[in-house]
Amino acid sequence: MKDKIPDVLVAVLYHSKLGGNFSKMLESLAKVKPHKNMILLFIDNYSRDGAHDLVNSWINRYGQRYKAIIHVRAKGNPVRLRNIALKLGYNIGVRYLSFIESDVVVDENFLIREFELMEKYHWKNVISVSAVRYTPYEYLDFFEKCINKWLRRKNVVNAGVFEGEAFNSGNCLIDLSKVPEVGWFDEDIIFIEDLDWGRRATRRGFVCLFDGRIQLLHMKKYSVKDLRKYFFRGALSEAKLFLKNKLTKVVLRRISYWCGVFFSMLIIPITPIPFLIFLGIGWGAYAMRSRGWGRLLLYPILMPVNIAKSLALGLAMLYWIIRGGYSTEKVTVLNSEDWEVEYVK
């Protein structure tokens, strides 16, 4: 199968050394095969900590193995960088594009394994194959540790190959010949652009596969401080995702409940009854979905975060409804090539 793999554009987006994690990712990338069919595309989001020089050093060390290497600098959020990769893929003329996240360790057979699945299930109209990745427990923030420890949810460890409602843009293989029917990534939807693009793909009859046979190590360390991103851009991204993909009924239930909890707390001095009703409903629901001490503790631990995020999401949805334009994708790379191509081999 190694000899049958066509040329693949492998895109790596980066903005910093990530505390040494980027170096580990690059070392794992050097082992990914087959080198002769890989066109590497490094997109530097104007890093300032020496990451650019790190990539150049890596290219000098390993570059001779690959069919081609392109190194560019580009402005914009990560979603715009993904669109630049799409556009360059079209310009080069390759059929397959792979994204490899800058903080994920990949194994040497990553591309071979994903392409084999693309070929094996071609009759299903597969547009993407995504690797399943895992984040070590100690890398999670406090809230995610509580959820991981106590909440019952589907385990994808050794899940094999399965279909998803979306795809994982961080570590995937995409069939570019089918992308025009889906469109570009929406640059308004950051952090969760893969959920939006994947849902658009599945609505058009394509299949997004996940490969859970081998899980890739995600080295990112999360912090409660990361929640700030949600209130600045995350809520707007989620709101547009829900509105565009007609998921408002699901999210409005969540917003209504947690906003109800919040406003019922404000009238406790007048009457505590509404708050007690909301409290009983929510605590009971969490207790049924939790295990161990989570039946008692998970609901009150997550309550402040859920209230704050629901209020932000509600305001963000109101913003999009008033402003309009949530049904179309924001794409800024079609008539502009403002990125700098620094190196081509």
Protein backbone atom coordinates (compact mmCIF):
# COMPACT_ATOMS: atom_id res chain seq x y z
CA MET A 1 0.00 0.00 0.00
CA LYS A 2 2.93 2.37 0.62
CA ASP A 3 3.70 2.40 -3.11
CA LYS A 4 0.09 3.19 -4.00
CA ILE A 5 -0.19 6.36 -1.94
CA PRO A 6 -0.44 9.45 -4.17
CA ASP A 7 1.17 12.77 -3.36
CA VAL A 8 -0.18 14.31 -0.15
CA LEU A 9 0.14 17.93 0.95
CA VAL A 10 0.91 17.79 4.69
CA ALA A 11 0.16 21.13 6.37
CA VAL A 12 1.62 22.12 9.73
CA LEU A 13 0.37 25.40 11.22
CA TYR A 14 2.38 26.94 14.05
CA HIS A 15 2.77 30.12 16.07
CA SER A 16 5.31 29.24 18.78
CA LYS A 17 7.55 26.51 20.18
CA LEU A 18 4.77 25.58 22.62
CA GLY A 19 7.21 25.10 25.46
CA GLY A 20 9.17 22.45 23.57
CA ASN A 21 6.15 20.48 22.35
CA PHE A 22 6.61 21.72 18.79
CA SER A 23 10.09 20.18 18.72
CA LYS A 24 8.65 16.83 19.79
CA MET A 25 6.01 17.05 17.09
CA LEU A 26 8.65 17.81 14.43
CA GLU A 27 10.72 14.83 15.50
CA SER A 28 7.69 12.58 15.14
CA LEU A 29 6.89 14.16 11.75
CA ALA A 30 10.33 13.16 10.48
CA LYS A 31 9.35 9.50 10.94
CA VAL A 32 6.03 9.69 9.06
CA LYS A 33 6.11 7.77 5.77
CA PRO A 34 6.22 7.67 2.80
CA HIS A 35 8.58 10.66 2.49
CA LYS A 36 8.75 10.57 -1.31
CA ASN A 37 5.01 11.22 -1.59
CA MET A 38 4.85 14.02 0.98
CA ILE A 39 4.78 17.71 0.12
CA LEU A 40 5.30 19.56 3.40
CA LEU A 41 3.66 22.93 3.95
CA PHE A 42 4.73 24.87 7.05
CA ILE A 43 2.61 27.96 7.78
CA ASP A 44 4.11 30.29 10.37
CA ASN A 45 1.60 32.62 12.03
CA TYR A 46 4.44 35.13 12.57
CA SER A 47 5.98 33.38 15.56
CA ARG A 48 8.36 35.43 17.73
CA ASP A 49 10.07 32.87 19.93
CA GLY A 50 12.41 31.20 17.47
CA ALA A 51 9.91 28.65 16.14
CA HIS A 52 10.55 29.84 12.58
CA ASP A 53 14.28 29.17 12.91
CA LEU A 54 13.47 25.80 14.48
CA VAL A 55 11.50 24.80 11.36
CA ASN A 56 14.27 26.02 9.05
CA SER A 57 16.77 23.96 11.02
CA TRP A 58 14.49 20.92 10.73
CA ILE A 59 14.17 21.47 6.97
CA ASN A 60 17.96 21.64 6.60
CA ARG A 61 18.24 18.35 8.48
CA TYR A 62 15.43 16.33 6.90
CA GLY A 63 14.32 18.27 3.82
CA GLN A 64 16.09 16.11 1.25
CA ARG A 65 13.75 13.20 2.02
CA TYR A 66 10.59 14.87 0.76
CA LYS A 67 9.13 15.50 -2.67
CA ALA A 68 8.76 19.20 -1.89
CA ILE A 69 8.70 21.65 1.02
CA ILE A 70 6.99 25.05 1.22
CA HIS A 71 7.50 27.44 4.13
CA VAL A 72 5.30 30.53 4.36
CA ARG A 73 4.41 33.26 6.84
CA ALA A 74 0.78 34.31 7.08
CA LYS A 75 -1.43 36.53 9.21
CA GLY A 76 -4.83 35.67 10.63
CA ASN A 77 -6.47 33.19 12.94
CA PRO A 78 -5.83 29.42 12.64
CA VAL A 79 -8.93 28.96 10.48
CA ARG A 80 -7.62 31.41 7.90
CA LEU A 81 -4.35 29.47 7.85
CA ARG A 82 -6.31 26.30 7.11
CA ASN A 83 -7.95 28.05 4.17
CA ILE A 84 -4.52 29.10 2.91
CA ALA A 85 -3.51 25.43 3.02
CA LEU A 86 -6.66 24.51 1.06
CA LYS A 87 -5.91 27.14 -1.56
CA LEU A 88 -2.29 26.08 -1.94
CA GLY A 89 -3.45 22.47 -2.22
CA TYR A 90 -5.73 23.44 -5.11
CA ASN A 91 -2.92 25.44 -6.74
CA ILE A 92 -0.43 22.58 -6.48
CA GLY A 93 -2.96 20.12 -7.84
CA VAL A 94 -2.81 17.39 -5.19
CA ARG A 95 -5.89 15.38 -4.35
CA TYR A 96 -5.17 14.83 -0.66
CA LEU A 97 -4.46 17.29 2.14
CA SER A 98 -3.43 16.33 5.65
CA PHE A 99 -3.32 18.61 8.68
CA ILE A 100 -0.98 17.66 11.52
CA GLU A 101 -1.34 19.73 14.69
CA SER A 102 1.82 21.35 16.05
CA ASP A 103 1.32 19.85 19.53
CA VAL A 104 0.49 16.24 18.58
CA VAL A 105 2.89 13.31 18.31
CA VAL A 106 2.20 11.27 15.17
CA ASP A 107 3.39 7.74 14.44
CA GLU A 108 5.24 6.73 11.28
CA ASN A 109 2.24 4.97 9.71
CA PHE A 110 -0.24 7.80 10.30
CA LEU A 111 -0.67 8.77 6.64
CA ILE A 112 -0.56 5.20 5.37
CA ARG A 113 -3.24 4.13 7.83
CA GLU A 114 -5.57 7.04 7.01
CA PHE A 115 -5.17 6.59 3.26
CA GLU A 116 -5.88 2.87 3.51
CA LEU A 117 -9.16 3.68 5.25
CA MET A 118 -9.99 6.30 2.61
CA GLU A 119 -9.52 3.63 -0.06
CA LYS A 120 -11.22 0.80 1.84
CA TYR A 121 -14.40 2.80 2.45
CA HIS A 122 -14.46 4.78 -0.81
CA TRP A 123 -17.90 3.34 -1.55
CA LYS A 124 -19.22 5.29 1.45
CA ASN A 125 -18.29 8.61 -0.17
CA VAL A 126 -15.66 9.36 2.47
CA ILE A 127 -14.37 12.93 2.46
CA SER A 128 -12.08 12.77 5.51
CA VAL A 129 -10.38 10.35 7.87
CA SER A 130 -9.42 11.72 11.27
CA ALA A 131 -7.15 10.23 13.90
CA VAL A 132 -8.44 10.00 17.45
CA ARG A 133 -6.15 11.73 19.91
CA TYR A 134 -5.95 11.70 23.69
CA THR A 135 -4.86 14.25 26.27
CA PRO A 136 -3.23 12.85 29.43
CA TYR A 137 -5.31 13.41 32.56
CA GLU A 138 -2.64 15.58 34.15
CA TYR A 139 -2.78 17.98 31.17
CA LEU A 140 -6.48 18.78 31.69
CA ASP A 141 -7.76 21.82 33.57
CA PHE A 142 -9.64 21.44 36.87
CA PHE A 143 -13.10 21.31 35.33
CA GLU A 144 -12.16 18.83 32.61
CA LYS A 145 -10.52 16.61 35.23
CA CYS A 146 -13.79 16.53 37.15
CA ILE A 147 -15.76 15.72 33.99
CA ASN A 148 -13.27 13.07 32.92
CA LYS A 149 -13.28 11.47 36.35
CA TRP A 150 -17.00 11.46 37.13
CA LEU A 151 -19.13 11.91 34.01
CA ARG A 152 -20.26 8.83 32.13
CA ARG A 153 -19.65 9.22 28.41
CA LYS A 154 -18.76 7.16 25.38
CA ASN A 155 -15.20 5.85 25.42
CA VAL A 156 -13.44 5.90 22.06
CA VAL A 157 -10.41 3.96 23.29
CA ASN A 158 -10.00 0.96 20.96
CA ALA A 159 -13.23 2.05 19.26
CA GLY A 160 -11.94 0.94 15.87
CA VAL A 161 -13.16 2.77 12.78
CA PHE A 162 -16.41 4.73 13.10
CA GLU A 163 -18.37 7.53 11.47
CA GLY A 164 -18.69 10.95 13.10
CA GLU A 165 -21.00 13.94 12.75
CA ALA A 166 -17.96 16.11 12.04
CA PHE A 167 -14.19 15.59 11.78
CA ASN A 168 -10.97 16.50 13.56
CA SER A 169 -9.07 19.12 11.57
CA GLY A 170 -5.99 18.71 13.74
CA ASN A 171 -4.92 15.29 12.48
CA CYS A 172 -6.70 14.20 9.36
CA LEU A 173 -6.61 13.33 5.69
CA ILE A 174 -9.03 15.21 3.40
CA ASP A 175 -10.05 14.39 -0.18
CA LEU A 176 -9.70 17.78 -1.88
CA SER A 177 -11.65 16.66 -4.94
CA LYS A 178 -14.81 16.66 -2.78
CA VAL A 179 -14.15 19.86 -0.84
CA PRO A 180 -15.68 22.28 -3.41
CA GLU A 181 -19.12 20.81 -2.67
CA VAL A 182 -18.67 21.63 1.03
CA GLY A 183 -16.82 24.93 0.79
CA TRP A 184 -14.06 26.63 2.74
CA PHE A 185 -13.56 26.76 6.47
CA ASP A 186 -15.56 29.56 8.12
CA GLU A 187 -13.06 32.06 9.51
CA ASP A 188 -15.67 33.39 11.95
CA ILE A 189 -15.78 30.02 13.71
CA ILE A 190 -12.50 29.53 15.52
CA PHE A 191 -11.59 26.66 17.87
CA ILE A 192 -14.47 24.53 16.48
CA GLU A 193 -14.18 25.13 12.73
CA ASP A 194 -13.96 21.38 12.17
CA LEU A 195 -17.38 20.85 13.74
CA ASP A 196 -18.93 23.37 11.36
CA TRP A 197 -17.14 22.09 8.25
CA GLY A 198 -17.77 18.45 9.16
CA ARG A 199 -21.49 19.02 9.69
CA ARG A 200 -21.73 20.79 6.35
CA ALA A 201 -19.99 17.81 4.74
CA THR A 202 -22.25 15.19 6.31
CA ARG A 203 -25.36 17.19 5.39
CA ARG A 204 -24.25 16.95 1.77
CA GLY A 205 -24.00 13.18 1.95
CA PHE A 206 -20.28 12.77 2.65
CA VAL A 207 -18.89 10.54 5.40
CA CYS A 208 -16.32 11.67 7.99
CA LEU A 209 -14.47 8.64 9.35
CA PHE A 210 -12.58 8.42 12.63
CA ASP A 211 -9.74 5.99 13.20
CA GLY A 212 -9.69 4.95 16.85
CA ARG A 213 -7.40 1.97 16.42
CA ILE A 214 -4.34 4.01 17.42
CA GLN A 215 -4.64 7.23 19.41
CA LEU A 216 -2.22 10.10 19.03
CA LEU A 217 -0.77 11.97 22.00
CA HIS A 218 -2.04 15.54 22.33
CA MET A 219 0.56 17.41 24.37
CA LYS A 220 -1.38 20.61 25.04
CA LYS A 221 -1.71 21.52 28.71
CA TYR A 222 -5.02 23.16 29.51
CA SER A 223 -5.67 25.77 32.18
CA VAL A 224 -8.78 27.33 33.68
CA LYS A 225 -7.36 30.59 32.30
CA ASP A 226 -8.14 29.27 28.80
CA LEU A 227 -11.82 29.89 29.56
CA ARG A 228 -11.17 33.56 28.85
CA LYS A 229 -10.95 32.70 25.14
CA TYR A 230 -14.54 31.48 25.24
CA PHE A 231 -15.89 34.81 26.42
CA PHE A 232 -13.90 36.79 23.86
CA ARG A 233 -14.36 34.67 20.71
CA GLY A 234 -15.53 31.17 21.61
CA ALA A 235 -19.14 32.16 22.33
CA LEU A 236 -19.44 34.00 19.00
CA SER A 237 -18.02 30.96 17.21
CA GLU A 238 -20.41 28.57 18.93
CA ALA A 239 -23.38 30.83 18.31
CA LYS A 240 -22.71 31.02 14.57
CA LEU A 241 -22.12 27.26 14.44
CA PHE A 242 -25.47 26.52 16.10
CA LEU A 243 -27.44 29.05 14.06
CA LYS A 244 -25.91 28.09 10.72
CA ASN A 245 -26.32 24.36 11.27
CA LYS A 246 -29.88 24.68 12.61
CA LEU A 247 -29.02 23.36 16.07
CA THR A 248 -30.75 26.16 17.96
CA LYS A 249 -33.37 23.94 19.60
CA VAL A 250 -30.71 21.89 21.35
CA VAL A 251 -28.66 24.87 22.52
CA LEU A 252 -31.68 26.95 23.56
CA ARG A 253 -32.63 24.29 26.09
CA ARG A 254 -29.19 24.61 27.65
CA ILE A 255 -29.23 28.41 27.61
CA SER A 256 -32.77 28.54 29.00
CA TYR A 257 -31.96 26.22 31.86
CA TRP A 258 -28.76 27.89 33.06
CA CYS A 259 -30.12 31.41 32.58
CA GLY A 260 -33.16 30.26 34.55
CA VAL A 261 -30.86 29.12 37.35
CA PHE A 262 -29.08 32.47 37.30
CA PHE A 263 -32.18 34.66 37.39
CA SER A 264 -33.88 32.43 39.97
CA MET A 265 -30.86 32.98 42.22
CA LEU A 266 -31.43 36.74 41.99
CA ILE A 267 -34.96 36.43 43.35
CA ILE A 268 -34.11 34.08 46.23
CA PRO A 269 -34.72 36.94 48.74
CA ILE A 270 -38.27 37.16 47.36
CA THR A 271 -38.93 33.43 46.89
CA PRO A 272 -36.48 30.48 46.74
CA ILE A 273 -39.00 28.15 45.08
CA PRO A 274 -37.97 28.70 41.40
CA PHE A 275 -34.30 28.20 42.29
CA LEU A 276 -35.04 25.00 44.22
CA ILE A 277 -36.98 23.63 41.24
CA PHE A 278 -34.16 24.38 38.82
CA LEU A 279 -31.65 22.99 41.31
CA GLY A 280 -33.55 19.73 41.71
CA ILE A 281 -33.94 19.19 37.97
CA GLY A 282 -30.29 19.90 37.17
CA TRP A 283 -28.75 18.07 40.10
CA GLY A 284 -30.88 15.03 39.38
CA ALA A 285 -29.90 15.00 35.71
CA TYR A 286 -26.19 15.23 36.55
CA ALA A 287 -26.51 12.55 39.24
CA MET A 288 -27.97 10.09 36.72
CA ARG A 289 -25.14 10.75 34.26
CA SER A 290 -22.33 10.66 36.84
CA ARG A 291 -20.55 8.04 38.90
CA GLY A 292 -19.04 7.98 42.39
CA TRP A 293 -18.72 11.30 44.16
CA GLY A 294 -19.64 13.00 40.90
CA ARG A 295 -23.31 12.31 41.63
CA LEU A 296 -23.00 14.78 44.49
CA LEU A 297 -20.21 17.16 43.46
CA LEU A 298 -20.18 17.55 39.67
CA TYR A 299 -23.28 19.74 39.37
CA PRO A 300 -22.25 22.42 41.93
CA ILE A 301 -18.66 22.44 40.62
CA LEU A 302 -19.73 23.10 37.04
CA MET A 303 -22.64 25.42 37.86
CA PRO A 304 -20.70 28.76 37.81
CA VAL A 305 -18.98 27.91 34.51
CA ASN A 306 -22.19 26.71 32.87
CA ILE A 307 -24.08 29.81 33.94
CA ALA A 308 -21.36 32.16 32.67
CA LYS A 309 -20.95 30.33 29.35
CA SER A 310 -24.72 30.14 28.77
CA LEU A 311 -25.15 33.87 29.37
CA ALA A 312 -22.27 34.59 26.96
CA LEU A 313 -23.66 32.19 24.36
CA GLY A 314 -27.14 33.69 24.61
CA LEU A 315 -25.76 37.19 24.04
CA ALA A 316 -23.62 35.93 21.15
CA MET A 317 -26.63 34.32 19.45
CA LEU A 318 -28.57 37.57 19.87
CA TYR A 319 -25.63 39.40 18.27
CA TRP A 320 -25.69 37.17 15.18
CA ILE A 321 -29.47 37.35 14.87
CA ILE A 322 -29.40 41.16 14.95
CA ARG A 323 -26.35 41.46 12.70
CA GLY A 324 -27.30 38.71 10.27
CA GLY A 325 -24.86 36.90 7.98
CA TYR A 326 -24.58 33.81 10.13
CA SER A 327 -25.68 31.49 7.31
CA THR A 328 -22.65 32.16 5.09
CA GLU A 329 -18.95 31.44 5.54
CA LYS A 330 -16.40 34.18 6.03
CA VAL A 331 -13.48 33.48 3.69
CA THR A 332 -10.68 36.03 3.15
CA VAL A 333 -8.20 34.08 1.00
CA LEU A 334 -10.09 33.89 -2.30
CA ASN A 335 -8.95 37.17 -3.86
CA SER A 336 -5.96 37.86 -1.63
CA GLU A 337 -2.56 36.21 -1.40
CA ASP A 338 -0.99 38.34 1.31
CA TRP A 339 1.15 35.55 2.73
CA GLU A 340 4.91 35.45 2.26
CA VAL A 341 6.40 32.39 0.57
CA GLU A 342 9.84 32.19 2.14
CA TYR A 343 11.08 28.82 1.01
CA VAL A 344 10.21 26.38 -1.75
CA LYS A 345 12.10 23.16 -2.43
